[in-house]
Protein backbone atom coordinates (compact mmCIF):
# COMPACT_ATOMS: atom_id res chain seq x y z
CA MET A 1 -58.64 97.86 34.74
CA LYS A 2 -59.43 100.26 31.93
CA GLU A 3 -56.69 98.51 29.76
CA ASP A 4 -58.15 95.35 30.35
CA ARG A 5 -61.73 96.38 29.65
CA PHE A 6 -60.09 98.46 26.25
CA ILE A 7 -58.44 94.73 25.71
CA LYS A 8 -61.62 92.94 25.86
CA LYS A 9 -63.51 95.65 24.24
CA LEU A 10 -61.08 95.47 21.26
CA TYR A 11 -60.95 91.97 20.78
CA ASP A 12 -64.86 91.59 20.92
CA GLN A 13 -64.86 94.05 18.09
CA ILE A 14 -62.40 92.17 15.91
CA CYS A 15 -64.45 88.63 16.50
CA SER A 16 -67.37 90.30 16.07
CA PHE A 17 -66.08 91.48 12.59
CA LEU A 18 -64.62 88.01 12.54
CA SER A 19 -67.80 86.42 12.19
CA VAL A 20 -68.36 82.84 10.36
CA LYS A 21 -69.87 84.90 7.47
CA ASN A 22 -67.60 87.57 6.80
CA ILE A 23 -64.59 84.99 7.35
CA SER A 24 -66.20 82.56 4.73
CA TRP A 25 -66.28 85.50 2.19
CA ILE A 26 -62.77 86.48 2.66
CA ALA A 27 -61.65 82.61 2.10
CA PHE A 28 -64.23 82.36 -1.07
CA VAL A 29 -62.73 85.24 -2.55
CA LEU A 30 -58.93 83.86 -1.89
CA PHE A 31 -60.10 80.58 -3.30
CA VAL A 32 -61.30 82.13 -6.42
CA LEU A 33 -58.44 84.10 -6.88
CA SER A 34 -56.09 80.87 -6.18
CA LEU A 35 -57.65 79.53 -9.36
CA ILE A 36 -56.66 82.22 -11.66
CA PRO A 37 -53.67 80.48 -12.25
CA ILE A 38 -55.01 76.96 -12.88
CA CYS A 39 -57.92 78.29 -15.31
CA TYR A 40 -55.11 80.76 -17.12
CA LEU A 41 -52.77 77.51 -17.89
CA SER A 42 -56.22 76.05 -19.12
CA PHE A 43 -55.57 77.91 -22.95
CA VAL A 44 -52.00 76.49 -22.89
CA ASN A 45 -52.93 72.44 -22.07
CA ARG A 46 -52.28 70.59 -24.81
CA ALA A 47 -53.40 66.87 -25.99
CA SER A 48 -50.54 64.32 -24.99
CA GLY A 49 -49.53 60.90 -25.10
CA ASP A 50 -52.90 58.71 -24.37
CA ASP A 51 -55.16 61.21 -25.66
CA TYR A 52 -53.77 60.35 -28.99
CA GLY A 53 -53.53 56.71 -28.80
CA TYR A 54 -57.16 56.66 -27.87
CA GLY A 55 -58.42 59.46 -30.26
CA VAL A 56 -57.55 57.89 -33.41
CA TYR A 57 -60.71 56.32 -34.66
CA THR A 58 -62.87 59.07 -32.82
CA ARG A 59 -61.14 62.04 -34.80
CA ALA A 60 -60.88 59.96 -37.90
CA ALA A 61 -64.62 59.23 -37.87
CA TRP A 62 -65.40 63.59 -36.68
CA MET A 63 -63.13 64.89 -39.30
CA GLY A 64 -64.62 62.86 -41.91
CA SER A 65 -68.32 62.84 -41.38
CA HIS A 66 -68.97 65.16 -38.35
CA SER A 67 -71.66 62.64 -37.28
CA LEU A 68 -72.07 61.61 -33.82
CA VAL A 69 -73.27 57.80 -35.06
CA GLU A 70 -70.07 57.50 -36.71
CA ALA A 71 -68.14 59.23 -33.76
CA ALA A 72 -69.90 56.79 -31.52
CA LYS A 73 -68.99 53.65 -33.35
CA ALA A 74 -65.27 54.66 -33.34
CA ILE A 75 -66.04 54.53 -29.60
CA GLY A 76 -66.91 51.39 -30.20
CA VAL A 77 -64.15 50.04 -31.97
CA THR A 78 -61.57 51.99 -29.59
CA ILE A 79 -63.52 49.77 -26.45
CA LYS A 80 -62.99 46.63 -28.51
CA GLN A 81 -59.24 47.26 -29.46
CA TYR A 82 -57.98 48.32 -25.67
CA TYR A 83 -60.17 45.47 -24.39
CA GLU A 84 -58.84 43.00 -26.15
CA GLY A 85 -55.17 44.27 -26.34
CA TRP A 86 -54.85 46.47 -23.26
CA GLN A 87 -57.23 46.92 -20.27
CA GLY A 88 -60.71 45.61 -19.10
CA THR A 89 -61.72 49.16 -18.18
CA TRP A 90 -64.41 50.04 -20.91
CA PHE A 91 -65.92 53.31 -19.47
CA SER A 92 -62.81 55.02 -19.21
CA ILE A 93 -61.81 53.76 -22.69
CA ALA A 94 -65.09 55.32 -23.83
CA VAL A 95 -64.18 58.44 -22.22
CA PHE A 96 -60.74 58.52 -23.11
CA ALA A 97 -62.06 58.44 -27.20
CA LEU A 98 -63.96 61.75 -26.41
CA GLN A 99 -60.91 63.71 -25.84
CA PRO A 100 -61.33 67.50 -27.05
CA GLU A 101 -59.06 67.59 -29.64
CA VAL A 102 -60.86 64.63 -31.56
CA PHE A 103 -63.19 67.29 -32.44
CA SER A 104 -60.98 71.01 -32.62
CA ASP A 105 -57.62 71.27 -32.14
CA LYS A 106 -58.39 74.10 -30.38
CA ALA A 107 -60.60 72.51 -27.61
CA TYR A 108 -58.47 71.13 -25.10
CA PHE A 109 -58.81 74.29 -22.57
CA ILE A 110 -62.33 72.88 -21.74
CA VAL A 111 -60.39 70.19 -19.69
CA VAL A 112 -59.41 72.03 -16.81
CA PHE A 113 -62.85 74.12 -16.47
CA LEU A 114 -64.56 70.55 -16.68
CA MET A 115 -62.99 68.94 -14.08
CA LEU A 116 -62.75 71.80 -12.02
CA PHE A 117 -66.73 72.01 -12.52
CA LEU A 118 -67.18 68.41 -11.97
CA TRP A 119 -64.68 68.43 -8.76
CA ILE A 120 -66.04 71.56 -7.05
CA GLY A 121 -69.76 70.85 -8.08
CA SER A 122 -69.99 67.13 -7.03
CA THR A 123 -68.30 68.31 -3.61
CA VAL A 124 -70.87 71.30 -2.76
CA LEU A 125 -73.64 68.84 -3.89
CA LEU A 126 -72.65 66.00 -1.17
CA PHE A 127 -71.05 68.30 1.25
CA LYS A 128 -74.54 70.61 1.33
CA GLN A 129 -76.36 67.02 1.84
CA ILE A 130 -74.58 66.09 5.00
CA PHE A 131 -73.41 69.02 6.77
CA LYS A 132 -76.53 70.85 5.94
CA THR A 133 -79.29 68.88 5.18
CA GLU A 134 -78.44 65.73 7.41
CA ILE A 135 -76.97 67.64 10.55
CA GLY A 136 -78.47 70.75 10.12
CA LEU A 137 -75.21 73.10 10.61
CA ASP A 138 -75.84 77.22 9.89
CA LYS A 139 -75.05 77.81 6.30
CA TRP A 140 -72.21 79.93 6.58
CA TYR A 141 -70.44 77.17 8.47
CA VAL A 142 -71.47 74.89 5.55
CA PHE A 143 -70.00 77.29 3.26
CA PHE A 144 -66.86 77.60 5.47
CA ILE A 145 -66.43 74.17 5.52
CA LEU A 146 -66.55 73.86 1.83
CA ILE A 147 -64.06 76.48 0.94
CA VAL A 148 -61.27 75.13 3.59
CA TYR A 149 -61.90 71.43 2.39
CA LEU A 150 -61.48 72.22 -1.71
CA VAL A 151 -58.57 74.39 -0.61
CA ILE A 152 -56.55 71.50 0.47
CA SER A 153 -57.87 69.33 -1.66
CA ILE A 154 -57.42 71.17 -5.07
CA GLN A 155 -54.10 72.85 -3.91
CA PHE A 156 -52.55 69.93 -2.34
CA ILE A 157 -53.80 66.92 -4.61
CA PRO A 158 -50.38 64.54 -5.39
CA SER A 159 -50.52 65.10 -9.24
CA THR A 160 -51.93 67.98 -11.09
CA LYS A 161 -51.48 66.45 -14.12
CA SER A 162 -54.23 63.54 -13.43
CA SER A 163 -56.40 65.68 -11.49
CA ILE A 164 -56.99 68.92 -13.59
CA PHE A 165 -54.80 69.47 -16.87
CA TRP A 166 -54.46 65.81 -18.56
CA PHE A 167 -57.74 64.48 -20.21
CA ASN A 168 -56.81 60.83 -20.02
CA GLY A 169 -55.43 60.79 -16.27
CA CYS A 170 -58.66 63.01 -15.44
CA ALA A 171 -61.02 60.56 -17.21
CA HIS A 172 -59.80 57.62 -15.63
CA TYR A 173 -59.49 58.95 -11.96
CA MET A 174 -61.14 62.22 -10.95
CA LEU A 175 -64.40 61.76 -13.19
CA PRO A 176 -64.99 58.44 -11.35
CA TYR A 177 -64.17 60.36 -7.94
CA THR A 178 -66.61 62.61 -8.43
CA MET A 179 -69.29 60.05 -9.89
CA CYS A 180 -68.50 58.46 -6.38
CA LEU A 181 -69.73 61.63 -4.37
CA ILE A 182 -72.91 62.00 -6.68
CA VAL A 183 -73.48 58.45 -5.78
CA VAL A 184 -73.14 59.23 -2.17
CA TRP A 185 -75.36 61.95 -2.70
CA CYS A 186 -77.98 59.77 -4.39
CA LEU A 187 -77.96 56.93 -1.61
CA LEU A 188 -78.18 59.83 1.44
CA ARG A 189 -81.20 60.75 -0.44
CA PHE A 190 -82.82 57.78 -1.27
CA GLY A 191 -82.60 56.85 2.12
CA LYS A 192 -85.07 59.48 3.04
CA GLN A 193 -87.62 59.50 0.22
CA TYR A 194 -86.99 56.39 -1.66
CA ARG A 195 -87.49 57.95 -4.94
CA PHE A 196 -87.23 56.40 -8.08
CA ARG A 197 -85.10 59.00 -9.80
CA TYR A 198 -82.06 58.74 -7.04
CA LEU A 199 -82.31 55.01 -7.22
CA ALA A 200 -82.12 55.14 -11.11
CA GLY A 201 -78.84 57.65 -10.65
CA ILE A 202 -77.14 55.19 -8.41
CA SER A 203 -77.69 52.24 -10.81
CA VAL A 204 -76.46 54.03 -13.72
CA LEU A 205 -73.26 55.56 -11.84
CA MET A 206 -72.59 52.31 -10.57
CA ALA A 207 -73.03 50.41 -13.50
CA LEU A 208 -70.10 53.06 -15.49
CA LEU A 209 -68.36 52.79 -12.24
CA GLY A 210 -68.26 48.81 -12.90
CA GLY A 211 -65.91 49.68 -16.31
CA ALA A 212 -63.77 52.78 -14.41
CA ASN A 213 -61.24 52.43 -12.34
CA TYR A 214 -60.95 50.03 -9.41
CA GLN A 215 -60.36 52.14 -6.70
CA ALA A 216 -63.70 54.45 -7.51
CA ALA A 217 -65.47 51.33 -7.71
CA LEU A 218 -64.53 49.92 -4.52
CA PHE A 219 -65.52 53.34 -3.20
CA ALA A 220 -68.58 53.09 -4.40
CA LEU A 221 -69.87 49.48 -3.53
CA ILE A 222 -68.18 49.99 0.10
CA SER A 223 -70.26 53.30 0.36
CA LEU A 224 -73.75 51.54 -0.85
CA VAL A 225 -73.14 48.73 1.64
CA TYR A 226 -72.49 51.41 4.36
CA ILE A 227 -75.41 53.66 3.71
CA GLY A 228 -77.76 50.68 2.79
CA VAL A 229 -77.02 48.75 5.85
CA GLY A 230 -77.00 51.73 8.16
CA ASN A 231 -80.40 53.07 7.21
CA PHE A 232 -82.23 49.55 6.93
CA ILE A 233 -80.97 49.18 10.71
CA LYS A 234 -82.48 52.79 11.16
CA HIS A 235 -85.40 52.86 9.78
CA LYS A 236 -86.33 48.84 8.88
CA ASN A 237 -87.59 49.89 5.53
CA LYS A 238 -87.53 47.02 2.87
CA LYS A 239 -87.21 49.63 0.12
CA VAL A 240 -83.47 49.33 1.24
CA TYR A 241 -83.28 45.97 -0.71
CA LEU A 242 -83.72 47.82 -4.04
CA LEU A 243 -80.02 48.80 -3.61
CA PHE A 244 -79.46 45.23 -4.52
CA ILE A 245 -80.02 46.73 -8.15
CA PRO A 246 -77.06 49.05 -8.35
CA PHE A 247 -74.83 46.78 -6.19
CA MET A 248 -75.32 43.86 -8.99
CA LEU A 249 -75.25 46.58 -11.99
CA GLU A 250 -71.49 47.63 -10.84
CA MET A 251 -70.74 44.06 -9.97
CA ILE A 252 -71.64 42.91 -13.74
CA GLY A 253 -69.72 45.87 -15.28
CA LEU A 254 -66.79 44.84 -13.04
CA VAL A 255 -67.15 40.81 -13.92
CA ILE A 256 -67.02 42.12 -17.54
CA SER A 257 -63.87 44.71 -16.96
CA MET A 258 -61.84 41.87 -15.28
CA LYS A 259 -62.61 39.26 -17.79
CA ALA A 260 -60.72 41.16 -20.28
CA PRO A 261 -58.19 39.54 -22.29
CA GLY A 262 -56.23 42.70 -22.40
CA ASN A 263 -55.83 42.73 -18.56
CA LYS A 264 -53.23 39.96 -19.13
CA VAL A 265 -51.22 42.07 -21.62
CA ARG A 266 -50.70 44.76 -19.73
CA GLY A 267 -50.50 42.71 -15.98
CA GLY A 268 -49.01 39.54 -16.87
CA GLU A 269 -50.15 36.09 -17.43
CA GLU A 270 -50.26 36.15 -13.84
CA PHE A 271 -53.03 38.45 -13.53
CA GLY A 272 -56.29 36.74 -12.11
CA PHE A 273 -58.39 36.37 -8.85
CA SER A 274 -56.86 34.69 -6.08
CA ILE A 275 -58.37 33.98 -2.71
CA THR A 276 -55.20 33.76 -0.67
CA LYS A 277 -53.82 36.98 -2.60
CA ALA A 278 -56.71 38.88 -1.60
CA LEU A 279 -57.02 37.96 1.98
CA VAL A 280 -53.25 38.90 2.55
CA THR A 281 -54.08 42.10 0.32
CA VAL A 282 -56.74 43.10 3.06
CA GLY A 283 -54.47 42.66 5.93
CA ASN A 284 -51.69 44.82 4.15
CA CYS A 285 -54.30 47.39 3.39
CA PHE A 286 -54.19 48.77 7.09
CA ILE A 287 -50.39 48.50 6.76
CA GLU A 288 -50.27 50.39 3.68
CA GLY A 289 -53.00 53.04 4.59
CA GLY A 290 -51.11 53.54 8.25
CA LYS A 291 -47.86 54.21 6.35
CA THR A 292 -49.93 57.01 3.86
CA VAL A 293 -51.27 58.82 6.44
CA ILE A 294 -47.67 58.78 8.24
CA ASN A 295 -46.11 59.93 4.92
CA TYR A 296 -48.59 62.81 4.81
CA MET A 297 -47.98 64.08 7.98
CA GLN A 298 -44.38 64.11 7.16
CA THR A 299 -44.24 65.90 3.47
CA LYS A 300 -48.01 67.50 3.50
CA PRO A 301 -48.16 69.37 7.02
CA ILE A 302 -49.90 72.19 5.37
CA VAL A 303 -52.79 69.64 4.59
CA ILE A 304 -52.62 68.69 8.47
CA ILE A 305 -52.80 72.41 9.79
CA GLY A 306 -55.91 72.37 7.30
CA LEU A 307 -57.64 69.59 8.78
CA ALA A 308 -57.25 71.10 12.03
CA VAL A 309 -59.05 74.25 10.74
CA LEU A 310 -61.57 72.24 9.74
CA PHE A 311 -61.83 70.45 13.26
CA LEU A 312 -62.06 74.14 14.50
CA ILE A 313 -65.36 75.03 12.45
CA PHE A 314 -66.86 71.57 12.92
CA LEU A 315 -66.40 72.66 16.96
CA GLY A 316 -68.11 75.91 16.31
CA GLY A 317 -70.82 74.70 13.90
CA CYS A 318 -71.89 71.95 16.75
CA LYS A 319 -71.97 74.64 19.35
CA SER A 320 -74.07 77.63 17.44
CA LYS A 321 -76.79 74.46 16.94
CA GLY A 322 -77.83 75.05 20.29
CA LYS A 323 -78.25 71.41 21.00
CA LYS A 324 -76.77 68.22 21.56
CA GLU A 325 -74.93 66.63 18.53
CA ASP A 326 -75.98 63.19 18.65
CA THR A 327 -74.17 60.96 16.53
CA GLU A 328 -74.84 57.38 16.41
CA HIS A 329 -72.50 54.68 17.44
CA PRO A 330 -69.12 57.02 16.99
CA VAL A 331 -66.56 54.63 17.14
CA ILE A 332 -68.14 52.43 14.52
CA VAL A 333 -68.54 55.45 12.10
CA MET A 334 -64.60 56.33 12.61
CA LEU A 335 -63.54 52.63 12.41
CA ALA A 336 -65.93 52.21 9.14
CA LEU A 337 -64.58 55.71 7.36
CA VAL A 338 -60.93 53.94 8.37
CA CYS A 339 -61.72 51.04 6.31
CA LEU A 340 -62.84 52.65 3.50
CA PHE A 341 -59.78 54.53 3.44
CA CYS A 342 -57.50 51.51 3.37
CA ALA A 343 -59.35 49.68 1.20
CA MET A 344 -58.25 52.30 -1.26
CA GLN A 345 -54.60 50.49 -1.24
CA ALA A 346 -56.28 47.53 -2.39
CA PRO A 347 -56.20 47.38 -6.46
CA GLU A 348 -52.16 48.59 -6.18
CA LEU A 349 -51.66 46.44 -3.46
CA TYR A 350 -53.25 43.33 -5.31
CA ALA A 351 -52.15 43.64 -8.65
CA ASN A 352 -48.54 44.24 -7.33
CA VAL A 353 -47.28 46.92 -10.65
CA GLU A 354 -46.43 50.27 -10.83
CA VAL A 355 -49.49 52.45 -10.50
CA SER A 356 -50.08 55.77 -12.38
CA SER A 357 -49.89 59.20 -10.17
CA GLY A 358 -53.96 58.99 -10.29
CA VAL A 359 -53.88 56.23 -7.92
CA ARG A 360 -52.25 58.41 -5.64
CA ASN A 361 -54.82 61.27 -6.38
CA MET A 362 -57.51 58.96 -5.16
CA ASN A 363 -55.86 57.85 -2.35
CA TYR A 364 -55.21 61.54 -1.42
CA LEU A 365 -58.85 62.20 -1.70
CA VAL A 366 -60.40 59.54 0.25
CA PHE A 367 -57.94 60.40 2.93
CA LEU A 368 -59.38 63.93 3.22
CA LEU A 369 -62.99 62.46 2.93
CA ALA A 370 -62.00 59.87 5.39
CA ALA A 371 -60.57 62.10 7.59
CA SER A 372 -62.67 64.94 7.80
CA GLY A 373 -65.37 62.43 8.48
CA CYS A 374 -63.47 61.36 12.00
CA LEU A 375 -62.67 65.01 12.48
CA TRP A 376 -66.65 65.21 12.36
CA VAL A 377 -67.16 62.98 14.98
CA LEU A 378 -64.34 64.48 17.34
CA ALA A 379 -65.74 67.50 17.43
CA ALA A 380 -69.65 66.70 18.19
CA GLY A 381 -67.93 64.73 20.77
CA VAL A 382 -65.91 67.74 22.42
CA ALA A 383 -68.86 70.04 21.57
CA ASP A 384 -70.88 67.82 23.82
CA LYS A 385 -68.48 67.99 26.91
CA ILE A 386 -68.03 71.50 26.62
CA LYS A 387 -70.59 73.70 28.30
CA MET A 388 -69.71 77.26 26.61
CA THR A 389 -72.33 79.01 24.11
CA GLY A 390 -71.50 78.86 20.92
CA ASP A 391 -70.71 82.62 20.37
CA VAL A 392 -68.10 81.97 23.32
CA VAL A 393 -66.86 79.05 21.80
CA HIS A 394 -65.89 81.14 18.65
CA LYS A 395 -64.84 83.60 20.22
CA GLY A 396 -62.54 81.67 22.79
CA ILE A 397 -61.51 78.55 20.82
CA VAL A 398 -62.40 78.91 17.11
CA ILE A 399 -61.00 82.14 16.22
CA PRO A 400 -57.72 81.86 18.39
CA GLY A 401 -57.43 78.33 17.02
CA ILE A 402 -57.42 79.61 13.47
CA PHE A 403 -55.04 82.58 14.39
CA LEU A 404 -52.31 79.90 15.74
CA CYS A 405 -53.19 77.89 12.22
CA LEU A 406 -52.22 80.99 10.57
CA ILE A 407 -49.05 81.20 12.83
CA LEU A 408 -47.78 77.76 12.01
CA LEU A 409 -48.13 77.93 8.38
CA SER A 410 -45.21 80.46 8.58
CA PHE A 411 -43.15 77.41 9.61
CA VAL A 412 -44.30 75.47 6.81
CA LYS A 413 -44.16 77.93 4.20
CA GLY A 414 -42.28 75.90 2.26
CA ASN A 415 -44.77 73.49 1.56
CA LEU A 416 -47.17 76.43 0.07
CA LYS A 417 -44.61 76.49 -2.87
CA GLU A 418 -46.02 72.98 -3.69
CA SER A 419 -49.29 74.38 -4.04
CA THR A 420 -51.18 73.79 -7.49
CA SER A 421 -51.74 77.51 -8.01
CA TRP A 422 -47.91 78.21 -6.97
CA VAL A 423 -46.57 75.91 -9.11
CA SER A 424 -49.12 77.00 -11.90
CA PHE A 425 -47.99 80.70 -11.22
CA GLU A 426 -44.24 80.09 -11.43
CA TYR A 427 -44.76 78.12 -14.81
CA ILE A 428 -46.14 81.32 -16.36
CA ARG A 429 -43.84 83.85 -14.75
CA SER A 430 -40.56 82.12 -15.56
CA GLY A 431 -42.58 82.31 -19.49
CA GLN A 432 -42.35 78.31 -19.74
CA ALA A 433 -45.88 78.90 -20.48
CA ALA A 434 -45.94 81.26 -23.01
CA ASP A 435 -43.04 79.30 -24.74
CA TYR A 436 -44.71 75.96 -24.79
CA LYS A 437 -47.84 77.67 -26.14
CA GLU A 438 -46.08 78.90 -29.00
CA GLN A 439 -44.40 75.27 -29.61
CA MET A 440 -48.04 73.32 -29.57
CA ASN A 441 -49.31 76.01 -31.72
CA LEU A 442 -46.28 75.32 -34.35
CA GLN A 443 -46.44 71.57 -33.71
CA THR A 444 -50.15 71.36 -34.77
CA ARG A 445 -50.03 73.69 -37.67
CA ILE A 446 -47.46 71.18 -39.40
CA LEU A 447 -49.13 68.30 -37.93
CA VAL A 448 -53.01 69.48 -39.43
CA ASN A 449 -51.19 70.32 -43.15
CA GLU A 450 -52.76 67.57 -45.32
CA ASN A 451 -50.17 68.42 -47.88
CA VAL A 452 -47.13 66.81 -44.83
CA LYS A 453 -47.52 63.11 -44.42
CA ASP A 454 -44.14 62.50 -43.25
CA ALA A 455 -44.20 65.11 -40.33
CA VAL A 456 -40.76 66.80 -38.98
CA ILE A 457 -41.33 68.84 -35.70
CA PRO A 458 -38.78 70.67 -33.48
CA PHE A 459 -38.23 69.28 -30.14
CA VAL A 460 -40.56 70.19 -27.61
CA ASN A 461 -39.29 69.96 -23.71
CA ASP A 462 -40.53 67.11 -21.92
CA VAL A 463 -40.62 69.05 -18.31
CA GLN A 464 -43.72 71.46 -18.64
CA GLY A 465 -44.38 72.27 -14.77
CA PRO A 466 -48.00 71.01 -13.54
CA LEU A 467 -49.04 69.91 -17.50
CA MET A 468 -48.58 66.28 -18.98
CA SER A 469 -46.11 66.44 -21.65
CA MET A 470 -44.92 63.37 -23.58
CA PRO A 471 -43.21 64.97 -26.79
CA ALA A 472 -42.25 63.33 -29.64
CA THR A 473 -38.74 61.98 -30.33
CA ASP A 474 -36.15 61.42 -33.28
CA ASP A 475 -37.47 58.10 -33.15
CA PRO A 476 -40.27 57.52 -35.54
CA SER A 477 -41.01 54.13 -34.22
CA ALA A 478 -41.11 55.47 -30.41
CA TRP A 479 -45.04 55.14 -29.15
CA THR A 480 -45.53 58.53 -28.75
CA ASN A 481 -44.61 59.22 -32.51
CA THR A 482 -46.68 56.46 -33.60
CA VAL A 483 -49.81 57.53 -31.77
CA MET A 484 -49.65 61.06 -32.84
CA ALA A 485 -49.02 59.90 -36.47
CA GLN A 486 -52.02 58.17 -36.66
CA PHE A 487 -54.14 61.03 -34.52
CA TYR A 488 -53.14 63.34 -37.38
CA GLY A 489 -53.48 61.02 -40.46
CA LYS A 490 -49.57 60.81 -41.05
CA ASN A 491 -47.14 58.09 -42.27
CA SER A 492 -44.66 59.01 -39.81
CA ILE A 493 -43.66 61.85 -37.56
CA VAL A 494 -40.20 62.55 -36.59
CA ALA A 495 -38.98 65.36 -34.03
CA MET A 496 -35.31 67.09 -34.40
CA PRO A 497 -33.27 69.66 -31.87
CA ARG A 498 -35.14 73.02 -32.54
CA ASP A 499 -32.11 75.00 -33.97
CA GLU A 500 -31.54 71.89 -36.59
CA TRP A 501 -35.32 72.44 -37.59
CA GLU A 502 -35.05 76.02 -38.09
CA GLU A 503 -31.88 76.11 -40.29
CA LYS A 504 -34.02 73.13 -42.42
CA GLN A 505 -36.60 75.65 -42.72
CA GLY A 506 -34.27 78.84 -43.35
CA ARG A 507 -35.46 80.09 -40.83
CA ARG A 508 -31.67 80.76 -39.65
């Protein structure tokens, strides 16, 4: 009996220490530490591939005048060229033309910090609105939810290149994704206050999303319909009709994007709209969505464990409120979230062309949002059935459940080595990061030398861990060589083996 009382007292003390507040702070510290190797690589990261091609006119304008007006004109020229010759996503092209090395050869470090700020900031904004303002969870539960969600989203996103390090990929996928989160935040705020500033924000962002990637445009449109219809059914306020303004603005932007002559250059002469093909695509979206979820379960077990932790936090948060959590039409909400995720498969299935890693990133991020929403609905339903108090649920379910998840992590530790932080750390530890930085600094010194018109540079290894690297080749007519030459104002650029280059330079 004494031993039982001792064990119970000890467990109570442990649970008292492992309060939601303390666990949240521990998780926050670990999260910040995990970002260190990623941020370190920001000072190694450099422009590559498309960054040069889209930045040709803006770099020339800026270097020649240091005038924002001239740079803006150059953006217009860039949009026109690619709109007619390659793709119609006019907003993305405008952002591509502003890649940091346009303004300074040392400015590319800002990409990592900018992407993390937008990614984390938009997530915090939306989650605080949903879980704090709309649902009314305790702030420490909201904090804990945010940290766990950000960890699994940042650490296990399919491609770090197109989500954190490569400006071109980030601008076409991550920037629109963060804009979508802000649109949803504005929609929720507008549904409560109907203020002009929220309508204006929705209108501007959705107009721009009409010229971004199709997944983000679809995400915003579906979100507007979901929230707008739900708000009207609940409040019957005719001000909801004002949402037709941003809806039409995005549709106009999409039509402009889809009508671009360059789309047929990139997608082939058959590129266009077909009702039959669209209907077939809708059906296939659900099949592909199911396959994608199964693939995550097989290849990203640590993410599934992370979602299990989120479910436990949701459950504890529901019970901590001390009152019944009334989720209206839970089945409809879950089906709507499933449809949203499956809809993200549509652009790829409809186009039927090879897609970039950014598409996989969008699929993954929307999966996490939809899964989190469904888990919340389930947790709210379970919480309503449990008669225990919030404190008992924390001690008897949440803490043991989190410990169990930590134990399960030991069985999937190989998955941890695929995390963004681990890959970044290994890239640094191996010496590859320092070597790449040295090579790129040398390459830049050669290419910015105005006296050199036909540049000869040493080869750079194209296997660069989490970074995007599309190096110049020994063929001066190759695409990478050509766009780099245009960007730096050279007649030609050619690469050769490092030992030959050093010998030619008299270094050996």
